[in-house]
Amino acid sequence: MGTDADGAGDDPTRPVNITLSLGDDGEVWVARDQDTGVASQGSSRKAALENLDEAVAGYHGAGTSPTDDDLAQLGIDPDQNTSGSLSDSDVFE
């Protein structure tokens, strides 16, 4: 379900079973898709939900891989960067 009535709610990659809560610091909203376990945050409820839409789409394969220049700008050695299976990741438990 999208954050607005743009018809994007029909997209099967959009989160539909969501929890939305105020973070412990009281300044950040946390949105979590209960079906995938993907979570995101934002400075407002709307921002948290929009960020969650993007994160869940990425979880389902949307987006593009970073270039070697992108990685280098983040201080990551492109030759040491490898992608693995989600099932092998401690992050997606």
PDB file of N, CA and C in Angstrom:
ATOM      1  N   MET A   1       0.857  -1.171   0.000  1.00  0.00           N
ATOM      2  CA  MET A   1       0.000   0.000   0.000  1.00  0.00           C
ATOM      3  C   MET A   1       0.896   1.223   0.000  1.00  0.00           C
ATOM      4  N   GLY A   2       0.693   2.119  -0.920  1.00  0.00           N
ATOM      5  CA  GLY A   2       1.476   3.345  -1.002  1.00  0.00           C
ATOM      6  C   GLY A   2       1.049   4.346   0.044  1.00  0.00           C
ATOM      7  N   THR A   3       1.792   5.421   0.116  1.00  0.00           N
ATOM      8  CA  THR A   3       1.473   6.455   1.084  1.00  0.00           C
ATOM      9  C   THR A   3       0.487   7.462   0.546  1.00  0.00           C
ATOM     10  N   ASP A   4       0.106   7.316  -0.709  1.00  0.00           N
ATOM     11  CA  ASP A   4      -0.890   8.220  -1.279  1.00  0.00           C
ATOM     12  C   ASP A   4      -1.791   7.428  -2.219  1.00  0.00           C
ATOM     13  N   ALA A   5      -2.741   8.080  -2.796  1.00  0.00           N
ATOM     14  CA  ALA A   5      -3.729   7.403  -3.639  1.00  0.00           C
ATOM     15  C   ALA A   5      -3.340   7.450  -5.109  1.00  0.00           C
ATOM     16  N   ASP A   6      -2.091   7.119  -5.423  1.00  0.00           N
ATOM     17  CA  ASP A   6      -1.625   7.196  -6.807  1.00  0.00           C
ATOM     18  C   ASP A   6      -1.841   5.902  -7.575  1.00  0.00           C
ATOM     19  N   GLY A   7      -2.529   4.939  -6.974  1.00  0.00           N
ATOM     20  CA  GLY A   7      -2.757   3.668  -7.652  1.00  0.00           C
ATOM     21  C   GLY A   7      -1.622   2.688  -7.463  1.00  0.00           C
ATOM     22  N   ALA A   8      -0.538   3.110  -6.815  1.00  0.00           N
ATOM     23  CA  ALA A   8       0.605   2.226  -6.625  1.00  0.00           C
ATOM     24  C   ALA A   8       0.309   1.133  -5.610  1.00  0.00           C
ATOM     25  N   GLY A   9      -0.816   1.220  -4.907  1.00  0.00           N
ATOM     26  CA  GLY A   9      -1.173   0.205  -3.935  1.00  0.00           C
ATOM     27  C   GLY A   9      -1.400  -1.158  -4.567  1.00  0.00           C
ATOM     28  N   ASP A  10      -1.524  -1.219  -5.876  1.00  0.00           N
ATOM     29  CA  ASP A  10      -1.712  -2.487  -6.571  1.00  0.00           C
ATOM     30  C   ASP A  10      -0.389  -3.201  -6.818  1.00  0.00           C
ATOM     31  N   ASP A  11       0.723  -2.561  -6.545  1.00  0.00           N
ATOM     32  CA  ASP A  11       2.053  -3.125  -6.749  1.00  0.00           C
ATOM     33  C   ASP A  11       2.302  -4.210  -5.691  1.00  0.00           C
ATOM     34  N   PRO A  12       2.516  -5.473  -6.110  1.00  0.00           N
ATOM     35  CA  PRO A  12       2.692  -6.550  -5.137  1.00  0.00           C
ATOM     36  C   PRO A  12       3.968  -6.433  -4.309  1.00  0.00           C
ATOM     37  N   THR A  13       4.906  -5.569  -4.710  1.00  0.00           N
ATOM     38  CA  THR A  13       6.126  -5.405  -3.921  1.00  0.00           C
ATOM     39  C   THR A  13       5.976  -4.358  -2.829  1.00  0.00           C
ATOM     40  N   ARG A  14       4.858  -3.634  -2.815  1.00  0.00           N
ATOM     41  CA  ARG A  14       4.622  -2.637  -1.774  1.00  0.00           C
ATOM     42  C   ARG A  14       4.265  -3.320  -0.472  1.00  0.00           C
ATOM     43  N   PRO A  15       4.765  -2.808   0.652  1.00  0.00           N
ATOM     44  CA  PRO A  15       4.395  -3.399   1.937  1.00  0.00           C
ATOM     45  C   PRO A  15       2.915  -3.165   2.244  1.00  0.00           C
ATOM     46  N   VAL A  16       2.259  -4.169   2.794  1.00  0.00           N
ATOM     47  CA  VAL A  16       0.838  -4.022   3.122  1.00  0.00           C
ATOM     48  C   VAL A  16       0.533  -4.327   4.584  1.00  0.00           C
ATOM     49  N   ASN A  17       1.397  -5.057   5.260  1.00  0.00           N
ATOM     50  CA  ASN A  17       1.214  -5.391   6.663  1.00  0.00           C
ATOM     51  C   ASN A  17       2.299  -4.643   7.440  1.00  0.00           C
ATOM     52  N   ILE A  18       1.984  -3.418   7.860  1.00  0.00           N
ATOM     53  CA  ILE A  18       2.985  -2.470   8.364  1.00  0.00           C
ATOM     54  C   ILE A  18       2.749  -2.125   9.825  1.00  0.00           C
ATOM     55  N   THR A  19       3.860  -1.981  10.562  1.00  0.00           N
ATOM     56  CA  THR A  19       3.783  -1.354  11.876  1.00  0.00           C
ATOM     57  C   THR A  19       4.501  -0.015  11.764  1.00  0.00           C
ATOM     58  N   LEU A  20       3.985   0.967  12.454  1.00  0.00           N
ATOM     59  CA  LEU A  20       4.551   2.310  12.431  1.00  0.00           C
ATOM     60  C   LEU A  20       4.617   2.793  13.868  1.00  0.00           C
ATOM     61  N   SER A  21       5.808   3.166  14.310  1.00  0.00           N
ATOM     62  CA  SER A  21       5.956   3.591  15.698  1.00  0.00           C
ATOM     63  C   SER A  21       6.983   4.711  15.800  1.00  0.00           C
ATOM     64  N   LEU A  22       6.853   5.462  16.874  1.00  0.00           N
ATOM     65  CA  LEU A  22       7.805   6.521  17.165  1.00  0.00           C
ATOM     66  C   LEU A  22       9.020   5.883  17.815  1.00  0.00           C
ATOM     67  N   GLY A  23      10.205   6.226  17.330  1.00  0.00           N
ATOM     68  CA  GLY A  23      11.435   5.670  17.864  1.00  0.00           C
ATOM     69  C   GLY A  23      11.656   6.046  19.320  1.00  0.00           C
ATOM     70  N   ASP A  24      12.592   5.354  19.969  1.00  0.00           N
ATOM     71  CA  ASP A  24      12.882   5.579  21.381  1.00  0.00           C
ATOM     72  C   ASP A  24      13.271   7.022  21.685  1.00  0.00           C
ATOM     73  N   ASP A  25      13.907   7.688  20.727  1.00  0.00           N
ATOM     74  CA  ASP A  25      14.330   9.073  20.956  1.00  0.00           C
ATOM     75  C   ASP A  25      13.187  10.070  20.802  1.00  0.00           C
ATOM     76  N   GLY A  26      12.040   9.606  20.301  1.00  0.00           N
ATOM     77  CA  GLY A  26      10.885  10.472  20.132  1.00  0.00           C
ATOM     78  C   GLY A  26      10.972  11.409  18.950  1.00  0.00           C
ATOM     79  N   GLU A  27      11.997  11.245  18.126  1.00  0.00           N
ATOM     80  CA  GLU A  27      12.195  12.152  16.995  1.00  0.00           C
ATOM     81  C   GLU A  27      12.126  11.466  15.638  1.00  0.00           C
ATOM     82  N   VAL A  28      12.193  10.160  15.604  1.00  0.00           N
ATOM     83  CA  VAL A  28      12.232   9.418  14.345  1.00  0.00           C
ATOM     84  C   VAL A  28      11.099   8.400  14.334  1.00  0.00           C
ATOM     85  N   TRP A  29      10.409   8.325  13.209  1.00  0.00           N
ATOM     86  CA  TRP A  29       9.367   7.323  13.016  1.00  0.00           C
ATOM     87  C   TRP A  29       9.979   6.077  12.383  1.00  0.00           C
ATOM     88  N   VAL A  30       9.564   4.913  12.822  1.00  0.00           N
ATOM     89  CA  VAL A  30      10.063   3.637  12.309  1.00  0.00           C
ATOM     90  C   VAL A  30       8.896   2.879  11.684  1.00  0.00           C
ATOM     91  N   ALA A  31       9.070   2.495  10.432  1.00  0.00           N
ATOM     92  CA  ALA A  31       8.062   1.714   9.710  1.00  0.00           C
ATOM     93  C   ALA A  31       8.665   0.352   9.403  1.00  0.00           C
ATOM     94  N   ARG A  32       7.884  -0.709   9.630  1.00  0.00           N
ATOM     95  CA  ARG A  32       8.378  -2.072   9.405  1.00  0.00           C
ATOM     96  C   ARG A  32       7.334  -2.871   8.633  1.00  0.00           C
ATOM     97  N   ASP A  33       7.804  -3.535   7.584  1.00  0.00           N
ATOM     98  CA  ASP A  33       6.952  -4.434   6.814  1.00  0.00           C
ATOM     99  C   ASP A  33       6.987  -5.793   7.506  1.00  0.00           C
ATOM    100  N   GLN A  34       5.876  -6.212   8.065  1.00  0.00           N
ATOM    101  CA  GLN A  34       5.819  -7.447   8.833  1.00  0.00           C
ATOM    102  C   GLN A  34       6.029  -8.694   7.973  1.00  0.00           C
ATOM    103  N   ASP A  35       5.720  -8.615   6.684  1.00  0.00           N
ATOM    104  CA  ASP A  35       5.851  -9.785   5.816  1.00  0.00           C
ATOM    105  C   ASP A  35       7.301 -10.087   5.452  1.00  0.00           C
ATOM    106  N   THR A  36       8.127  -9.049   5.268  1.00  0.00           N
ATOM    107  CA  THR A  36       9.523  -9.259   4.872  1.00  0.00           C
ATOM    108  C   THR A  36      10.501  -9.020   6.015  1.00  0.00           C
ATOM    109  N   GLY A  37      10.089  -8.269   7.031  1.00  0.00           N
ATOM    110  CA  GLY A  37      11.000  -7.898   8.111  1.00  0.00           C
ATOM    111  C   GLY A  37      11.806  -6.657   7.801  1.00  0.00           C
ATOM    112  N   VAL A  38      11.596  -6.076   6.618  1.00  0.00           N
ATOM    113  CA  VAL A  38      12.318  -4.866   6.227  1.00  0.00           C
ATOM    114  C   VAL A  38      11.792  -3.684   7.042  1.00  0.00           C
ATOM    115  N   ALA A  39      12.712  -2.854   7.530  1.00  0.00           N
ATOM    116  CA  ALA A  39      12.333  -1.674   8.301  1.00  0.00           C
ATOM    117  C   ALA A  39      13.047  -0.452   7.734  1.00  0.00           C
ATOM    118  N   SER A  40      12.436   0.700   7.966  1.00  0.00           N
ATOM    119  CA  SER A  40      13.031   1.965   7.554  1.00  0.00           C
ATOM    120  C   SER A  40      12.580   3.025   8.537  1.00  0.00           C
ATOM    121  N   GLN A  41      13.099   4.213   8.371  1.00  0.00           N
ATOM    122  CA  GLN A  41      12.748   5.292   9.289  1.00  0.00           C
ATOM    123  C   GLN A  41      12.663   6.610   8.544  1.00  0.00           C
ATOM    124  N   GLY A  42      12.122   7.610   9.212  1.00  0.00           N
ATOM    125  CA  GLY A  42      12.020   8.941   8.638  1.00  0.00           C
ATOM    126  C   GLY A  42      11.689   9.942   9.718  1.00  0.00           C
ATOM    127  N   SER A  43      11.867  11.201   9.388  1.00  0.00           N
ATOM    128  CA  SER A  43      11.622  12.267  10.356  1.00  0.00           C
ATOM    129  C   SER A  43      10.132  12.522  10.578  1.00  0.00           C
ATOM    130  N   SER A  44       9.302  11.964   9.700  1.00  0.00           N
ATOM    131  CA  SER A  44       7.849  12.062   9.847  1.00  0.00           C
ATOM    132  C   SER A  44       7.249  10.701   9.514  1.00  0.00           C
ATOM    133  N   ARG A  45       5.980  10.537   9.850  1.00  0.00           N
ATOM    134  CA  ARG A  45       5.312   9.283   9.512  1.00  0.00           C
ATOM    135  C   ARG A  45       5.337   9.058   8.002  1.00  0.00           C
ATOM    136  N   LYS A  46       5.021  10.117   7.253  1.00  0.00           N
ATOM    137  CA  LYS A  46       4.992  10.007   5.790  1.00  0.00           C
ATOM    138  C   LYS A  46       6.367   9.629   5.244  1.00  0.00           C
ATOM    139  N   ALA A  47       7.421  10.264   5.746  1.00  0.00           N
ATOM    140  CA  ALA A  47       8.774   9.959   5.272  1.00  0.00           C
ATOM    141  C   ALA A  47       9.158   8.513   5.592  1.00  0.00           C
ATOM    142  N   ALA A  48       8.793   8.037   6.780  1.00  0.00           N
ATOM    143  CA  ALA A  48       9.102   6.661   7.152  1.00  0.00           C
ATOM    144  C   ALA A  48       8.405   5.680   6.213  1.00  0.00           C
ATOM    145  N   LEU A  49       7.140   5.946   5.884  1.00  0.00           N
ATOM    146  CA  LEU A  49       6.402   5.065   4.977  1.00  0.00           C
ATOM    147  C   LEU A  49       6.948   5.113   3.556  1.00  0.00           C
ATOM    148  N   GLU A  50       7.312   6.297   3.084  1.00  0.00           N
ATOM    149  CA  GLU A  50       7.903   6.416   1.749  1.00  0.00           C
ATOM    150  C   GLU A  50       9.238   5.679   1.682  1.00  0.00           C
ATOM    151  N   ASN A  51      10.051   5.821   2.741  1.00  0.00           N
ATOM    152  CA  ASN A  51      11.339   5.122   2.780  1.00  0.00           C
ATOM    153  C   ASN A  51      11.131   3.611   2.833  1.00  0.00           C
ATOM    154  N   LEU A  52      10.091   3.170   3.547  1.00  0.00           N
ATOM    155  CA  LEU A  52       9.795   1.741   3.607  1.00  0.00           C
ATOM    156  C   LEU A  52       9.386   1.214   2.232  1.00  0.00           C
ATOM    157  N   ASP A  53       8.570   1.970   1.505  1.00  0.00           N
ATOM    158  CA  ASP A  53       8.195   1.563   0.142  1.00  0.00           C
ATOM    159  C   ASP A  53       9.443   1.304  -0.692  1.00  0.00           C
ATOM    160  N   GLU A  54      10.397   2.228  -0.624  1.00  0.00           N
ATOM    161  CA  GLU A  54      11.628   2.097  -1.402  1.00  0.00           C
ATOM    162  C   GLU A  54      12.464   0.905  -0.926  1.00  0.00           C
ATOM    163  N   ALA A  55      12.562   0.723   0.384  1.00  0.00           N
ATOM    164  CA  ALA A  55      13.359  -0.376   0.923  1.00  0.00           C
ATOM    165  C   ALA A  55      12.767  -1.733   0.560  1.00  0.00           C
ATOM    166  N   VAL A  56      11.451  -1.868   0.626  1.00  0.00           N
ATOM    167  CA  VAL A  56      10.807  -3.135   0.280  1.00  0.00           C
ATOM    168  C   VAL A  56      10.944  -3.405  -1.215  1.00  0.00           C
ATOM    169  N   ALA A  57      10.841  -2.375  -2.025  1.00  0.00           N
ATOM    170  CA  ALA A  57      11.060  -2.558  -3.472  1.00  0.00           C
ATOM    171  C   ALA A  57      12.479  -3.068  -3.719  1.00  0.00           C
ATOM    172  N   GLY A  58      13.458  -2.507  -3.003  1.00  0.00           N
ATOM    173  CA  GLY A  58      14.838  -2.982  -3.113  1.00  0.00           C
ATOM    174  C   GLY A  58      14.975  -4.426  -2.660  1.00  0.00           C
ATOM    175  N   TYR A  59      14.292  -4.783  -1.608  1.00  0.00           N
ATOM    176  CA  TYR A  59      14.296  -6.158  -1.114  1.00  0.00           C
ATOM    177  C   TYR A  59      13.814  -7.118  -2.196  1.00  0.00           C
ATOM    178  N   HIS A  60      12.855  -6.661  -2.990  1.00  0.00           N
ATOM    179  CA  HIS A  60      12.300  -7.482  -4.066  1.00  0.00           C
ATOM    180  C   HIS A  60      13.067  -7.340  -5.377  1.00  0.00           C
ATOM    181  N   GLY A  61      14.213  -6.655  -5.358  1.00  0.00           N
ATOM    182  CA  GLY A  61      15.072  -6.611  -6.533  1.00  0.00           C
ATOM    183  C   GLY A  61      15.068  -5.324  -7.324  1.00  0.00           C
ATOM    184  N   ALA A  62      14.286  -4.335  -6.928  1.00  0.00           N
ATOM    185  CA  ALA A  62      14.286  -3.066  -7.669  1.00  0.00           C
ATOM    186  C   ALA A  62      15.581  -2.305  -7.382  1.00  0.00           C
ATOM    187  N   GLY A  63      15.902  -1.387  -8.241  1.00  0.00           N
ATOM    188  CA  GLY A  63      17.086  -0.558  -8.037  1.00  0.00           C
ATOM    189  C   GLY A  63      18.244  -1.022  -8.902  1.00  0.00           C
ATOM    190  N   THR A  64      19.361  -0.362  -8.721  1.00  0.00           N
ATOM    191  CA  THR A  64      20.553  -0.692  -9.497  1.00  0.00           C
ATOM    192  C   THR A  64      21.729  -0.909  -8.553  1.00  0.00           C
ATOM    193  N   SER A  65      22.671  -1.698  -9.021  1.00  0.00           N
ATOM    194  CA  SER A  65      23.878  -1.938  -8.237  1.00  0.00           C
ATOM    195  C   SER A  65      24.758  -0.700  -8.269  1.00  0.00           C
ATOM    196  N   PRO A  66      25.495  -0.446  -7.186  1.00  0.00           N
ATOM    197  CA  PRO A  66      26.388   0.708  -7.183  1.00  0.00           C
ATOM    198  C   PRO A  66      27.561   0.490  -8.138  1.00  0.00           C
ATOM    199  N   THR A  67      28.036   1.579  -8.719  1.00  0.00           N
ATOM    200  CA  THR A  67      29.217   1.504  -9.575  1.00  0.00           C
ATOM    201  C   THR A  67      30.461   1.466  -8.696  1.00  0.00           C
ATOM    202  N   ASP A  68      31.589   1.156  -9.297  1.00  0.00           N
ATOM    203  CA  ASP A  68      32.852   1.173  -8.551  1.00  0.00           C
ATOM    204  C   ASP A  68      33.136   2.567  -8.000  1.00  0.00           C
ATOM    205  N   ASP A  69      32.786   3.605  -8.756  1.00  0.00           N
ATOM    206  CA  ASP A  69      32.967   4.978  -8.277  1.00  0.00           C
ATOM    207  C   ASP A  69      32.077   5.262  -7.069  1.00  0.00           C
ATOM    208  N   ASP A  70      30.822   4.776  -7.108  1.00  0.00           N
ATOM    209  CA  ASP A  70      29.916   4.942  -5.964  1.00  0.00           C
ATOM    210  C   ASP A  70      30.519   4.311  -4.711  1.00  0.00           C
ATOM    211  N   LEU A  71      31.027   3.085  -4.858  1.00  0.00           N
ATOM    212  CA  LEU A  71      31.617   2.389  -3.718  1.00  0.00           C
ATOM    213  C   LEU A  71      32.848   3.129  -3.197  1.00  0.00           C
ATOM    214  N   ALA A  72      33.696   3.569  -4.107  1.00  0.00           N
ATOM    215  CA  ALA A  72      34.914   4.274  -3.701  1.00  0.00           C
ATOM    216  C   ALA A  72      34.581   5.551  -2.938  1.00  0.00           C
ATOM    217  N   GLN A  73      33.537   6.262  -3.350  1.00  0.00           N
ATOM    218  CA  GLN A  73      33.136   7.485  -2.643  1.00  0.00           C
ATOM    219  C   GLN A  73      32.667   7.189  -1.228  1.00  0.00           C
ATOM    220  N   LEU A  74      32.190   5.973  -0.997  1.00  0.00           N
ATOM    221  CA  LEU A  74      31.743   5.569   0.338  1.00  0.00           C
ATOM    222  C   LEU A  74      32.864   4.923   1.151  1.00  0.00           C
ATOM    223  N   GLY A  75      34.066   4.872   0.563  1.00  0.00           N
ATOM    224  CA  GLY A  75      35.213   4.289   1.260  1.00  0.00           C
ATOM    225  C   GLY A  75      35.237   2.768   1.209  1.00  0.00           C
ATOM    226  N   ILE A  76      34.566   2.194   0.218  1.00  0.00           N
ATOM    227  CA  ILE A  76      34.527   0.740   0.061  1.00  0.00           C
ATOM    228  C   ILE A  76      35.396   0.359  -1.127  1.00  0.00           C
ATOM    229  N   ASP A  77      36.316  -0.565  -0.914  1.00  0.00           N
ATOM    230  CA  ASP A  77      37.173  -1.047  -1.995  1.00  0.00           C
ATOM    231  C   ASP A  77      36.336  -1.924  -2.921  1.00  0.00           C
ATOM    232  N   PRO A  78      36.124  -1.502  -4.171  1.00  0.00           N
ATOM    233  CA  PRO A  78      35.285  -2.280  -5.086  1.00  0.00           C
ATOM    234  C   PRO A  78      35.762  -3.721  -5.265  1.00  0.00           C
ATOM    235  N   ASP A  79      37.074  -3.949  -5.172  1.00  0.00           N
ATOM    236  CA  ASP A  79      37.596  -5.306  -5.344  1.00  0.00           C
ATOM    237  C   ASP A  79      37.271  -6.204  -4.153  1.00  0.00           C
ATOM    238  N   GLN A  80      36.954  -5.607  -3.011  1.00  0.00           N
ATOM    239  CA  GLN A  80      36.623  -6.374  -1.806  1.00  0.00           C
ATOM    240  C   GLN A  80      35.115  -6.479  -1.582  1.00  0.00           C
ATOM    241  N   ASN A  81      34.351  -5.856  -2.453  1.00  0.00           N
ATOM    242  CA  ASN A  81      32.894  -5.858  -2.309  1.00  0.00           C
ATOM    243  C   ASN A  81      32.309  -7.048  -3.054  1.00  0.00           C
ATOM    244  N   THR A  82      31.635  -7.910  -2.322  1.00  0.00           N
ATOM    245  CA  THR A  82      30.975  -9.055  -2.947  1.00  0.00           C
ATOM    246  C   THR A  82      29.546  -9.144  -2.436  1.00  0.00           C
ATOM    247  N   SER A  83      28.680  -9.617  -3.272  1.00  0.00           N
ATOM    248  CA  SER A  83      27.294  -9.831  -2.881  1.00  0.00           C
ATOM    249  C   SER A  83      27.095 -11.301  -2.611  1.00  0.00           C
ATOM    250  N   GLY A  84      26.316 -11.575  -1.610  1.00  0.00           N
ATOM    251  CA  GLY A  84      26.016 -12.961  -1.281  1.00  0.00           C
ATOM    252  C   GLY A  84      24.522 -13.178  -1.267  1.00  0.00           C
ATOM    253  N   SER A  85      24.141 -14.324  -0.859  1.00  0.00           N
ATOM    254  CA  SER A  85      22.737 -14.679  -0.759  1.00  0.00           C
ATOM    255  C   SER A  85      22.125 -14.034   0.471  1.00  0.00           C
ATOM    256  N   LEU A  86      20.859 -13.624   0.377  1.00  0.00           N
ATOM    257  CA  LEU A  86      20.165 -13.081   1.543  1.00  0.00           C
ATOM    258  C   LEU A  86      20.109 -14.101   2.665  1.00  0.00           C
ATOM    259  N   SER A  87      20.012 -15.366   2.317  1.00  0.00           N
ATOM    260  CA  SER A  87      19.929 -16.407   3.349  1.00  0.00           C
ATOM    261  C   SER A  87      21.253 -16.575   4.093  1.00  0.00           C
ATOM    262  N   ASP A  88      22.359 -16.088   3.514  1.00  0.00           N
ATOM    263  CA  ASP A  88      23.655 -16.160   4.173  1.00  0.00           C
ATOM    264  C   ASP A  88      23.966 -14.928   4.988  1.00  0.00           C
ATOM    265  N   SER A  89      23.067 -13.956   4.979  1.00  0.00           N
ATOM    266  CA  SER A  89      23.298 -12.683   5.650  1.00  0.00           C
ATOM    267  C   SER A  89      22.778 -12.687   7.077  1.00  0.00           C
ATOM    268  N   ASP A  90      23.583 -12.149   8.003  1.00  0.00           N
ATOM    269  CA  ASP A  90      23.135 -11.977   9.387  1.00  0.00           C
ATOM    270  C   ASP A  90      22.143 -10.836   9.487  1.00  0.00           C
ATOM    271  N   VAL A  91      22.161  -9.918   8.531  1.00  0.00           N
ATOM    272  CA  VAL A  91      21.296  -8.747   8.571  1.00  0.00           C
ATOM    273  C   VAL A  91      19.842  -9.140   8.348  1.00  0.00           C
ATOM    274  N   PHE A  92      19.581 -10.095   7.473  1.00  0.00           N
ATOM    275  CA  PHE A  92      18.213 -10.463   7.110  1.00  0.00           C
ATOM    276  C   PHE A  92      17.765 -11.734   7.809  1.00  0.00           C
ATOM    277  N   GLU A  93      17.963 -11.803   9.107  1.00  0.00           N
ATOM    278  CA  GLU A  93      17.510 -12.971   9.866  1.00  0.00           C
ATOM    279  C   GLU A  93      16.084 -12.811  10.298  1.00  0.00           C
TER     280      GLU A  93
END
